C-alpha atoms as a PDB file:
ATOM      1  CA  UNK A   1      40.069  49.778 -27.019  1.00  0.00           C
ATOM      2  CA  UNK A   2      38.905  49.142 -30.499  1.00  0.00           C
ATOM      3  CA  UNK A   3      35.565  50.886 -31.277  1.00  0.00           C
ATOM      4  CA  UNK A   4      33.054  50.798 -34.208  1.00  0.00           C
ATOM      5  CA  UNK A   5      31.834  53.525 -36.162  1.00  0.00           C
ATOM      6  CA  UNK A   6      28.125  53.464 -36.654  1.00  0.00           C
ATOM      7  CA  UNK A   7      25.454  56.110 -38.744  1.00  0.00           C
ATOM      8  CA  UNK A   8      22.241  56.203 -40.265  1.00  0.00           C
ATOM      9  CA  UNK A   9      21.091  55.583 -44.490  1.00  0.00           C
ATOM     10  CA  UNK A  10      20.682  59.413 -44.399  1.00  0.00           C
ATOM     11  CA  UNK A  11      24.278  59.456 -44.906  1.00  0.00           C
ATOM     12  CA  UNK A  12      23.473  57.975 -48.181  1.00  0.00           C
ATOM     13  CA  UNK A  13      27.064  56.043 -48.634  1.00  0.00           C
ATOM     14  CA  UNK A  14      27.485  53.869 -51.399  1.00  0.00           C
ATOM     15  CA  UNK A  15      27.191  50.013 -50.650  1.00  0.00           C
ATOM     16  CA  UNK A  16      30.827  50.171 -51.818  1.00  0.00           C
ATOM     17  CA  UNK A  17      31.610  52.874 -49.687  1.00  0.00           C
ATOM     18  CA  UNK A  18      30.215  51.426 -46.466  1.00  0.00           C
ATOM     19  CA  UNK A  19      31.871  47.673 -47.286  1.00  0.00           C
ATOM     20  CA  UNK A  20      34.984  49.366 -47.608  1.00  0.00           C
ATOM     21  CA  UNK A  21      34.598  51.894 -44.682  1.00  0.00           C
ATOM     22  CA  UNK A  22      33.824  48.991 -42.406  1.00  0.00           C
ATOM     23  CA  UNK A  23      30.937  50.735 -40.585  1.00  0.00           C
ATOM     24  CA  UNK A  24      27.190  49.753 -39.639  1.00  0.00           C
ATOM     25  CA  UNK A  25      24.149  51.758 -40.972  1.00  0.00           C
ATOM     26  CA  UNK A  26      21.220  51.807 -38.901  1.00  0.00           C
ATOM     27  CA  UNK A  27      18.149  52.525 -42.006  1.00  0.00           C
ATOM     28  CA  UNK A  28      15.893  54.973 -41.802  1.00  0.00           C
ATOM     29  CA  UNK A  29      12.277  53.768 -43.302  1.00  0.00           C
ATOM     30  CA  UNK A  30       9.669  55.166 -45.726  1.00  0.00           C
ATOM     31  CA  UNK A  31       6.130  54.190 -46.366  1.00  0.00           C
ATOM     32  CA  UNK A  32       4.147  54.136 -49.536  1.00  0.00           C
ATOM     33  CA  UNK A  33       0.261  52.840 -49.814  1.00  0.00           C
ATOM     34  CA  UNK A  34       0.624  51.815 -46.393  1.00  0.00           C
ATOM     35  CA  UNK A  35       3.822  49.584 -47.078  1.00  0.00           C
ATOM     36  CA  UNK A  36       6.570  50.118 -44.836  1.00  0.00           C
ATOM     37  CA  UNK A  37      10.296  49.984 -46.394  1.00  0.00           C
ATOM     38  CA  UNK A  38      13.751  50.304 -45.359  1.00  0.00           C
ATOM     39  CA  UNK A  39      15.828  52.635 -47.048  1.00  0.00           C
ATOM     40  CA  UNK A  40      19.051  50.758 -46.931  1.00  0.00           C
ATOM     41  CA  UNK A  41      19.372  46.693 -46.676  1.00  0.00           C
ATOM     42  CA  UNK A  42      23.001  45.446 -46.667  1.00  0.00           C
ATOM     43  CA  UNK A  43      23.837  44.103 -49.906  1.00  0.00           C
ATOM     44  CA  UNK A  44      20.622  44.701 -51.669  1.00  0.00           C
ATOM     45  CA  UNK A  45      20.828  47.371 -54.425  1.00  0.00           C
ATOM     46  CA  UNK A  46      17.766  49.873 -54.238  1.00  0.00           C
ATOM     47  CA  UNK A  47      15.880  50.526 -57.579  1.00  0.00           C
ATOM     48  CA  UNK A  48      16.218  54.620 -57.024  1.00  0.00           C
ATOM     49  CA  UNK A  49      14.710  55.121 -61.002  1.00  0.00           C
ATOM     50  CA  UNK A  50      11.507  53.433 -59.990  1.00  0.00           C
ATOM     51  CA  UNK A  51      11.032  55.455 -56.460  1.00  0.00           C
ATOM     52  CA  UNK A  52      12.035  58.710 -57.987  1.00  0.00           C
ATOM     53  CA  UNK A  53       9.229  57.736 -60.933  1.00  0.00           C
ATOM     54  CA  UNK A  54       6.811  57.317 -58.078  1.00  0.00           C
ATOM     55  CA  UNK A  55       7.557  60.751 -56.828  1.00  0.00           C
ATOM     56  CA  UNK A  56       7.309  62.376 -60.248  1.00  0.00           C
ATOM     57  CA  UNK A  57       3.767  60.594 -60.336  1.00  0.00           C
ATOM     58  CA  UNK A  58       3.340  62.678 -56.620  1.00  0.00           C
ATOM     59  CA  UNK A  59       2.888  59.476 -55.172  1.00  0.00           C
ATOM     60  CA  UNK A  60       2.479  60.475 -51.348  1.00  0.00           C
ATOM     61  CA  UNK A  61       5.633  59.043 -49.367  1.00  0.00           C
ATOM     62  CA  UNK A  62       5.838  59.221 -45.476  1.00  0.00           C
ATOM     63  CA  UNK A  63       9.092  58.909 -43.674  1.00  0.00           C
ATOM     64  CA  UNK A  64      10.215  57.363 -40.318  1.00  0.00           C
ATOM     65  CA  UNK A  65      12.859  58.129 -37.958  1.00  0.00           C
ATOM     66  CA  UNK A  66      15.552  55.146 -36.712  1.00  0.00           C
ATOM     67  CA  UNK A  67      13.580  53.009 -34.664  1.00  0.00           C
ATOM     68  CA  UNK A  68      14.856  52.312 -30.995  1.00  0.00           C
ATOM     69  CA  UNK A  69      14.882  48.585 -31.631  1.00  0.00           C
ATOM     70  CA  UNK A  70      17.329  48.873 -34.617  1.00  0.00           C
ATOM     71  CA  UNK A  71      19.461  51.178 -32.907  1.00  0.00           C
ATOM     72  CA  UNK A  72      19.220  49.032 -30.059  1.00  0.00           C
ATOM     73  CA  UNK A  73      20.515  46.027 -31.905  1.00  0.00           C
ATOM     74  CA  UNK A  74      23.291  47.840 -33.547  1.00  0.00           C
ATOM     75  CA  UNK A  75      24.713  49.322 -30.348  1.00  0.00           C
ATOM     76  CA  UNK A  76      24.656  45.916 -28.524  1.00  0.00           C
ATOM     77  CA  UNK A  77      26.426  44.024 -31.436  1.00  0.00           C
ATOM     78  CA  UNK A  78      29.189  45.897 -31.082  1.00  0.00           C
ATOM     79  CA  UNK A  79      29.269  46.230 -27.387  1.00  0.00           C
ATOM     80  CA  UNK A  80      28.877  42.634 -26.700  1.00  0.00           C
ATOM     81  CA  UNK A  81      31.877  42.402 -29.034  1.00  0.00           C
ATOM     82  CA  UNK A  82      33.954  44.666 -27.043  1.00  0.00           C
ATOM     83  CA  UNK A  83      34.000  47.162 -28.850  1.00  0.00           C
ATOM     84  CA  UNK A  84      33.440  51.278 -28.188  1.00  0.00           C
ATOM     85  CA  UNK A  85      30.775  52.987 -30.329  1.00  0.00           C
ATOM     86  CA  UNK A  86      31.466  56.283 -32.158  1.00  0.00           C
ATOM     87  CA  UNK A  87      27.580  57.233 -33.919  1.00  0.00           C
ATOM     88  CA  UNK A  88      27.386  59.781 -36.285  1.00  0.00           C
ATOM     89  CA  UNK A  89      23.731  61.048 -36.568  1.00  0.00           C
ATOM     90  CA  UNK A  90      21.391  62.820 -38.973  1.00  0.00           C
ATOM     91  CA  UNK A  91      21.116  66.387 -37.758  1.00  0.00           C
ATOM     92  CA  UNK A  92      18.849  66.990 -34.816  1.00  0.00           C
ATOM     93  CA  UNK A  93      17.553  69.721 -36.852  1.00  0.00           C
ATOM     94  CA  UNK A  94      16.119  67.678 -39.377  1.00  0.00           C
ATOM     95  CA  UNK A  95      15.398  64.617 -37.588  1.00  0.00           C
ATOM     96  CA  UNK A  96      14.430  63.064 -33.966  1.00  0.00           C
ATOM     97  CA  UNK A  97      16.900  60.256 -34.868  1.00  0.00           C
ATOM     98  CA  UNK A  98      19.593  61.778 -33.058  1.00  0.00           C
ATOM     99  CA  UNK A  99      17.680  61.996 -29.829  1.00  0.00           C
ATOM    100  CA  UNK A 100      16.582  58.158 -30.265  1.00  0.00           C
ATOM    101  CA  UNK A 101      20.166  57.171 -30.283  1.00  0.00           C
ATOM    102  CA  UNK A 102      20.921  59.395 -27.508  1.00  0.00           C
ATOM    103  CA  UNK A 103      18.049  57.679 -25.339  1.00  0.00           C
ATOM    104  CA  UNK A 104      19.302  54.354 -26.672  1.00  0.00           C
ATOM    105  CA  UNK A 105      22.752  55.135 -25.284  1.00  0.00           C
ATOM    106  CA  UNK A 106      21.758  56.535 -21.798  1.00  0.00           C
ATOM    107  CA  UNK A 107      19.442  53.321 -21.272  1.00  0.00           C
ATOM    108  CA  UNK A 108      22.492  50.716 -22.168  1.00  0.00           C
ATOM    109  CA  UNK A 109      25.386  52.556 -20.377  1.00  0.00           C
ATOM    110  CA  UNK A 110      24.206  50.932 -17.006  1.00  0.00           C
ATOM    111  CA  UNK A 111      24.432  47.625 -18.675  1.00  0.00           C
ATOM    112  CA  UNK A 112      28.022  48.439 -20.477  1.00  0.00           C
ATOM    113  CA  UNK A 113      30.017  50.079 -17.559  1.00  0.00           C
ATOM    114  CA  UNK A 114      33.483  49.259 -19.258  1.00  0.00           C
ATOM    115  CA  UNK A 115      32.307  50.279 -22.751  1.00  0.00           C
ATOM    116  CA  UNK A 116      32.193  53.820 -24.275  1.00  0.00           C
ATOM    117  CA  UNK A 117      29.511  55.506 -26.201  1.00  0.00           C
ATOM    118  CA  UNK A 118      29.712  58.696 -28.155  1.00  0.00           C
ATOM    119  CA  UNK A 119      27.239  60.361 -30.213  1.00  0.00           C
ATOM    120  CA  UNK A 120      27.991  63.398 -32.473  1.00  0.00           C
ATOM    121  CA  UNK A 121      24.972  65.289 -33.672  1.00  0.00           C
ATOM    122  CA  UNK A 122      26.582  66.294 -37.153  1.00  0.00           C
ATOM    123  CA  UNK A 123      24.085  68.634 -37.818  1.00  0.00           C
ATOM    124  CA  UNK A 124      24.462  67.255 -41.359  1.00  0.00           C
ATOM    125  CA  UNK A 125      22.243  65.493 -44.027  1.00  0.00           C
ATOM    126  CA  UNK A 126      22.718  63.215 -46.952  1.00  0.00           C
ATOM    127  CA  UNK A 127      26.300  62.872 -48.175  1.00  0.00           C
ATOM    128  CA  UNK A 128      27.528  65.807 -46.159  1.00  0.00           C
ATOM    129  CA  UNK A 129      27.006  63.279 -43.305  1.00  0.00           C
ATOM    130  CA  UNK A 130      28.538  60.593 -45.237  1.00  0.00           C
ATOM    131  CA  UNK A 131      31.689  63.127 -46.009  1.00  0.00           C
ATOM    132  CA  UNK A 132      31.904  63.635 -42.426  1.00  0.00           C
ATOM    133  CA  UNK A 133      32.052  59.738 -41.613  1.00  0.00           C
ATOM    134  CA  UNK A 134      34.588  59.492 -43.888  1.00  0.00           C
ATOM    135  CA  UNK A 135      37.036  61.673 -42.306  1.00  0.00           C
ATOM    136  CA  UNK A 136      35.803  59.566 -38.905  1.00  0.00           C
ATOM    137  CA  UNK A 137      37.283  56.633 -40.549  1.00  0.00           C
ATOM    138  CA  UNK A 138      40.175  58.117 -41.935  1.00  0.00           C
ATOM    139  CA  UNK A 139      41.094  59.535 -38.208  1.00  0.00           C
ATOM    140  CA  UNK A 140      40.381  55.791 -36.803  1.00  0.00           C
ATOM    141  CA  UNK A 141      42.553  53.847 -39.763  1.00  0.00           C
ATOM    142  CA  UNK A 142      45.293  56.615 -38.956  1.00  0.00           C
ATOM    143  CA  UNK A 143      45.396  55.432 -35.390  1.00  0.00           C
ATOM    144  CA  UNK A 144      42.854  58.121 -33.816  1.00  0.00           C
ATOM    145  CA  UNK A 145      41.440  56.772 -30.411  1.00  0.00           C
ATOM    146  CA  UNK A 146      38.085  57.227 -30.215  1.00  0.00           C
ATOM    147  CA  UNK A 147      38.193  60.447 -27.973  1.00  0.00           C
ATOM    148  CA  UNK A 148      40.356  61.821 -30.762  1.00  0.00           C
ATOM    149  CA  UNK A 149      38.121  60.884 -33.385  1.00  0.00           C
ATOM    150  CA  UNK A 150      35.094  62.651 -31.820  1.00  0.00           C
ATOM    151  CA  UNK A 151      36.627  65.676 -30.802  1.00  0.00           C
ATOM    152  CA  UNK A 152      37.969  65.943 -34.394  1.00  0.00           C
ATOM    153  CA  UNK A 153      34.418  65.638 -35.679  1.00  0.00           C
ATOM    154  CA  UNK A 154      33.139  68.036 -32.891  1.00  0.00           C
ATOM    155  CA  UNK A 155      35.589  70.497 -33.805  1.00  0.00           C
ATOM    156  CA  UNK A 156      35.259  70.180 -37.611  1.00  0.00           C
ATOM    157  CA  UNK A 157      31.654  69.548 -38.460  1.00  0.00           C
ATOM    158  CA  UNK A 158      30.771  73.072 -39.047  1.00  0.00           C
ATOM    159  CA  UNK A 159      33.093  72.935 -41.926  1.00  0.00           C
ATOM    160  CA  UNK A 160      31.279  70.747 -43.614  1.00  0.00           C
ATOM    161  CA  UNK A 161      29.748  72.779 -46.624  1.00  0.00           C
ATOM    162  CA  UNK A 162      26.349  71.538 -48.300  1.00  0.00           C
ATOM    163  CA  UNK A 163      25.135  73.368 -51.408  1.00  0.00           C
ATOM    164  CA  UNK A 164      22.287  72.274 -53.145  1.00  0.00           C
ATOM    165  CA  UNK A 165      19.620  73.102 -55.402  1.00  0.00           C
ATOM    166  CA  UNK A 166      16.149  71.243 -56.304  1.00  0.00           C
ATOM    167  CA  UNK A 167      14.094  71.206 -59.707  1.00  0.00           C
ATOM    168  CA  UNK A 168      10.312  70.691 -58.683  1.00  0.00           C
ATOM    169  CA  UNK A 169       9.192  73.057 -55.983  1.00  0.00           C
ATOM    170  CA  UNK A 170       5.995  71.158 -55.225  1.00  0.00           C
ATOM    171  CA  UNK A 171       8.105  69.001 -52.835  1.00  0.00           C
ATOM    172  CA  UNK A 172       9.183  71.941 -50.841  1.00  0.00           C
ATOM    173  CA  UNK A 173       5.662  72.745 -50.861  1.00  0.00           C
ATOM    174  CA  UNK A 174       4.422  69.581 -49.551  1.00  0.00           C
ATOM    175  CA  UNK A 175       7.085  69.557 -46.710  1.00  0.00           C
ATOM    176  CA  UNK A 176       6.147  73.182 -45.698  1.00  0.00           C
ATOM    177  CA  UNK A 177       9.439  74.880 -46.587  1.00  0.00           C
ATOM    178  CA  UNK A 178       7.965  77.264 -48.862  1.00  0.00           C
ATOM    179  CA  UNK A 179       4.298  78.588 -49.645  1.00  0.00           C
ATOM    180  CA  UNK A 180       2.038  77.436 -52.267  1.00  0.00           C
ATOM    181  CA  UNK A 181       1.950  81.059 -53.958  1.00  0.00           C
ATOM    182  CA  UNK A 182       6.034  81.143 -54.128  1.00  0.00           C
ATOM    183  CA  UNK A 183       5.747  77.281 -55.623  1.00  0.00           C
ATOM    184  CA  UNK A 184       3.648  78.321 -58.370  1.00  0.00           C
ATOM    185  CA  UNK A 185       5.089  81.665 -58.929  1.00  0.00           C
ATOM    186  CA  UNK A 186       8.912  80.133 -58.859  1.00  0.00           C
ATOM    187  CA  UNK A 187       7.677  77.428 -61.272  1.00  0.00           C
ATOM    188  CA  UNK A 188       6.159  79.892 -63.725  1.00  0.00           C
ATOM    189  CA  UNK A 189       9.065  81.823 -63.631  1.00  0.00           C
ATOM    190  CA  UNK A 190      11.459  78.856 -63.609  1.00  0.00           C
ATOM    191  CA  UNK A 191      13.135  80.021 -60.476  1.00  0.00           C
ATOM    192  CA  UNK A 192      15.718  77.203 -58.633  1.00  0.00           C
ATOM    193  CA  UNK A 193      16.101  77.852 -54.943  1.00  0.00           C
ATOM    194  CA  UNK A 194      19.689  77.696 -54.006  1.00  0.00           C
ATOM    195  CA  UNK A 195      20.197  76.105 -50.284  1.00  0.00           C
ATOM    196  CA  UNK A 196      22.519  74.936 -48.079  1.00  0.00           C
ATOM    197  CA  UNK A 197      22.572  73.799 -44.356  1.00  0.00           C
ATOM    198  CA  UNK A 198      23.162  75.744 -41.589  1.00  0.00           C
ATOM    199  CA  UNK A 199      25.150  75.923 -38.519  1.00  0.00           C
ATOM    200  CA  UNK A 200      22.610  74.776 -36.768  1.00  0.00           C
ATOM    201  CA  UNK A 201      21.871  71.949 -38.947  1.00  0.00           C
ATOM    202  CA  UNK A 202      18.577  73.588 -40.801  1.00  0.00           C
ATOM    203  CA  UNK A 203      17.829  73.444 -44.414  1.00  0.00           C
ATOM    204  CA  UNK A 204      17.937  77.298 -45.544  1.00  0.00           C
ATOM    205  CA  UNK A 205      18.003  79.394 -48.428  1.00  0.00           C
ATOM    206  CA  UNK A 206      20.579  81.410 -49.888  1.00  0.00           C
ATOM    207  CA  UNK A 207      19.380  82.764 -53.128  1.00  0.00           C
ATOM    208  CA  UNK A 208      17.565  81.698 -56.229  1.00  0.00           C
ATOM    209  CA  UNK A 209      18.208  81.779 -60.041  1.00  0.00           C
ATOM    210  CA  UNK A 210      16.466  81.478 -63.073  1.00  0.00           C
ATOM    211  CA  UNK A 211      17.224  78.067 -64.933  1.00  0.00           C
ATOM    212  CA  UNK A 212      18.961  74.907 -64.027  1.00  0.00           C
ATOM    213  CA  UNK A 213      22.328  75.954 -65.451  1.00  0.00           C
ATOM    214  CA  UNK A 214      22.425  79.043 -63.798  1.00  0.00           C
ATOM    215  CA  UNK A 215      21.889  77.270 -60.326  1.00  0.00           C
ATOM    216  CA  UNK A 216      24.926  74.788 -61.166  1.00  0.00           C
ATOM    217  CA  UNK A 217      27.053  77.220 -62.156  1.00  0.00           C
ATOM    218  CA  UNK A 218      26.279  79.440 -58.904  1.00  0.00           C
ATOM    219  CA  UNK A 219      26.845  76.609 -56.844  1.00  0.00           C
ATOM    220  CA  UNK A 220      30.169  76.267 -57.967  1.00  0.00           C
ATOM    221  CA  UNK A 221      30.984  79.992 -57.824  1.00  0.00           C
ATOM    222  CA  UNK A 222      30.120  79.738 -54.293  1.00  0.00           C
ATOM    223  CA  UNK A 223      32.029  76.674 -53.616  1.00  0.00           C
ATOM    224  CA  UNK A 224      35.054  78.667 -54.613  1.00  0.00           C
ATOM    225  CA  UNK A 225      34.142  81.656 -52.235  1.00  0.00           C
ATOM    226  CA  UNK A 226      33.803  78.851 -49.023  1.00  0.00           C
ATOM    227  CA  UNK A 227      36.001  76.125 -49.515  1.00  0.00           C
ATOM    228  CA  UNK A 228      39.316  75.575 -48.693  1.00  0.00           C
ATOM    229  CA  UNK A 229      42.518  73.506 -50.338  1.00  0.00           C
ATOM    230  CA  UNK A 230      39.891  72.037 -52.546  1.00  0.00           C
ATOM    231  CA  UNK A 231      42.409  70.423 -54.921  1.00  0.00           C
ATOM    232  CA  UNK A 232      43.315  68.140 -52.380  1.00  0.00           C
ATOM    233  CA  UNK A 233      40.008  67.051 -51.170  1.00  0.00           C
ATOM    234  CA  UNK A 234      37.654  64.777 -52.028  1.00  0.00           C
ATOM    235  CA  UNK A 235      34.093  65.510 -52.824  1.00  0.00           C
ATOM    236  CA  UNK A 236      30.653  63.889 -52.616  1.00  0.00           C
ATOM    237  CA  UNK A 237      27.689  64.609 -54.949  1.00  0.00           C
ATOM    238  CA  UNK A 238      24.259  63.267 -54.498  1.00  0.00           C
ATOM    239  CA  UNK A 239      21.483  63.769 -57.049  1.00  0.00           C
ATOM    240  CA  UNK A 240      17.357  62.915 -57.184  1.00  0.00           C
ATOM    241  CA  UNK A 241      17.816  60.846 -60.468  1.00  0.00           C
ATOM    242  CA  UNK A 242      19.451  63.284 -62.397  1.00  0.00           C
ATOM    243  CA  UNK A 243      22.719  61.495 -62.720  1.00  0.00           C
ATOM    244  CA  UNK A 244      23.646  64.043 -66.249  1.00  0.00           C
ATOM    245  CA  UNK A 245      23.825  67.215 -63.669  1.00  0.00           C
ATOM    246  CA  UNK A 246      25.271  65.223 -61.074  1.00  0.00           C
ATOM    247  CA  UNK A 247      28.090  64.430 -63.396  1.00  0.00           C
ATOM    248  CA  UNK A 248      28.095  68.174 -65.038  1.00  0.00           C
ATOM    249  CA  UNK A 249      28.587  69.592 -61.737  1.00  0.00           C
ATOM    250  CA  UNK A 250      31.416  67.245 -60.861  1.00  0.00           C
ATOM    251  CA  UNK A 251      33.058  68.204 -64.218  1.00  0.00           C
ATOM    252  CA  UNK A 252      32.771  71.696 -63.258  1.00  0.00           C
ATOM    253  CA  UNK A 253      34.366  71.367 -59.649  1.00  0.00           C
ATOM    254  CA  UNK A 254      37.431  69.355 -61.377  1.00  0.00           C
ATOM    255  CA  UNK A 255      38.070  72.082 -63.810  1.00  0.00           C
ATOM    256  CA  UNK A 256      37.315  74.782 -61.524  1.00  0.00           C
ATOM    257  CA  UNK A 257      39.039  73.706 -58.516  1.00  0.00           C
ATOM    258  CA  UNK A 258      41.133  70.376 -59.775  1.00  0.00           C
ATOM    259  CA  UNK A 259      39.362  68.598 -56.822  1.00  0.00           C
ATOM    260  CA  UNK A 260      41.011  65.158 -56.071  1.00  0.00           C
ATOM    261  CA  UNK A 261      38.244  63.065 -56.507  1.00  0.00           C
ATOM    262  CA  UNK A 262      34.346  62.982 -57.004  1.00  0.00           C
ATOM    263  CA  UNK A 263      31.836  60.142 -55.486  1.00  0.00           C
ATOM    264  CA  UNK A 264      28.237  60.272 -56.886  1.00  0.00           C
ATOM    265  CA  UNK A 265      25.391  58.792 -55.245  1.00  0.00           C
ATOM    266  CA  UNK A 266      21.807  59.048 -54.992  1.00  0.00           C
ATOM    267  CA  UNK A 267      20.084  60.812 -52.538  1.00  0.00           C
ATOM    268  CA  UNK A 268      17.956  58.301 -50.294  1.00  0.00           C
ATOM    269  CA  UNK A 269      14.253  57.530 -50.551  1.00  0.00           C
ATOM    270  CA  UNK A 270      13.785  59.344 -47.138  1.00  0.00           C
ATOM    271  CA  UNK A 271      15.473  62.530 -47.802  1.00  0.00           C
ATOM    272  CA  UNK A 272      14.391  62.316 -51.343  1.00  0.00           C
ATOM    273  CA  UNK A 273      11.011  62.411 -50.663  1.00  0.00           C
ATOM    274  CA  UNK A 274      11.194  65.523 -49.394  1.00  0.00           C
ATOM    275  CA  UNK A 275      13.325  67.274 -51.710  1.00  0.00           C
ATOM    276  CA  UNK A 276      12.104  65.233 -54.860  1.00  0.00           C
ATOM    277  CA  UNK A 277      13.510  64.676 -58.387  1.00  0.00           C
ATOM    278  CA  UNK A 278      16.354  66.557 -59.530  1.00  0.00           C
ATOM    279  CA  UNK A 279      17.734  67.574 -56.218  1.00  0.00           C
ATOM    280  CA  UNK A 280      21.414  68.126 -56.877  1.00  0.00           C
ATOM    281  CA  UNK A 281      24.153  68.547 -53.951  1.00  0.00           C
ATOM    282  CA  UNK A 282      27.298  69.181 -53.398  1.00  0.00           C
ATOM    283  CA  UNK A 283      29.470  68.582 -50.205  1.00  0.00           C
ATOM    284  CA  UNK A 284      33.149  69.582 -49.230  1.00  0.00           C
ATOM    285  CA  UNK A 285      34.973  71.119 -46.342  1.00  0.00           C
ATOM    286  CA  UNK A 286      35.356  75.062 -46.260  1.00  0.00           C
ATOM    287  CA  UNK A 287      36.121  77.866 -44.259  1.00  0.00           C
ATOM    288  CA  UNK A 288      32.535  78.341 -42.890  1.00  0.00           C
ATOM    289  CA  UNK A 289      29.079  76.658 -43.886  1.00  0.00           C
END
């Protein structure tokens, strides 16, 4: 039986990728000045620069999970068309969206006894989640059944490496990731944190450097330590309105490891509101996270 692959907008896929992959995307939401917005609208380009300018002005942005209604609509559309569903969700350690999808699937299973719904808690975020989805699509297009694709994802998701840094410690402080004292001292000393996503799907620090250039070089160094067969990989990079740094990171990855291709996109509004302008991340498969 055919199946549909669904994810949420936290995967930070480009519009072109979404179209080419043939997947459905359920949007997360964010609120600015009491107005709620969707982080993804099919066929509508987002003015990311305007959003990041709001953040630079320290505008308060509130974020929300995927809504039960949007998840239900996406699931029903596929199920009613006679398709099974493979859903790749934002890390449950960073968002409650995965649980909403699980609850919705539980509620629908009796109404669709002949359909299969499989949920993958990716334990990933941003284009780490997006890269995992890319592999799911390749498995499907290669003839893998929904069970085979699901098993591959479960077996390999902890090999999806996320390496990133941020430029403005204010946003980590606002989100409770670091203390006010650490943020102030880090800003004064020009410290840049080095972070990754753990096996538990949590955002954790693995070090710090002084200055942006050193942070980028350390990410490239760690990429070499963790990556496997990098010359055969397509890697993803996201940025918080710092395209020059993203292109520099891509150039360094190509020069150092001969990666096959690089796709660059913005960090979406929901994740970006917590990480801030200047966020820079790279995603690839490795020996371990």
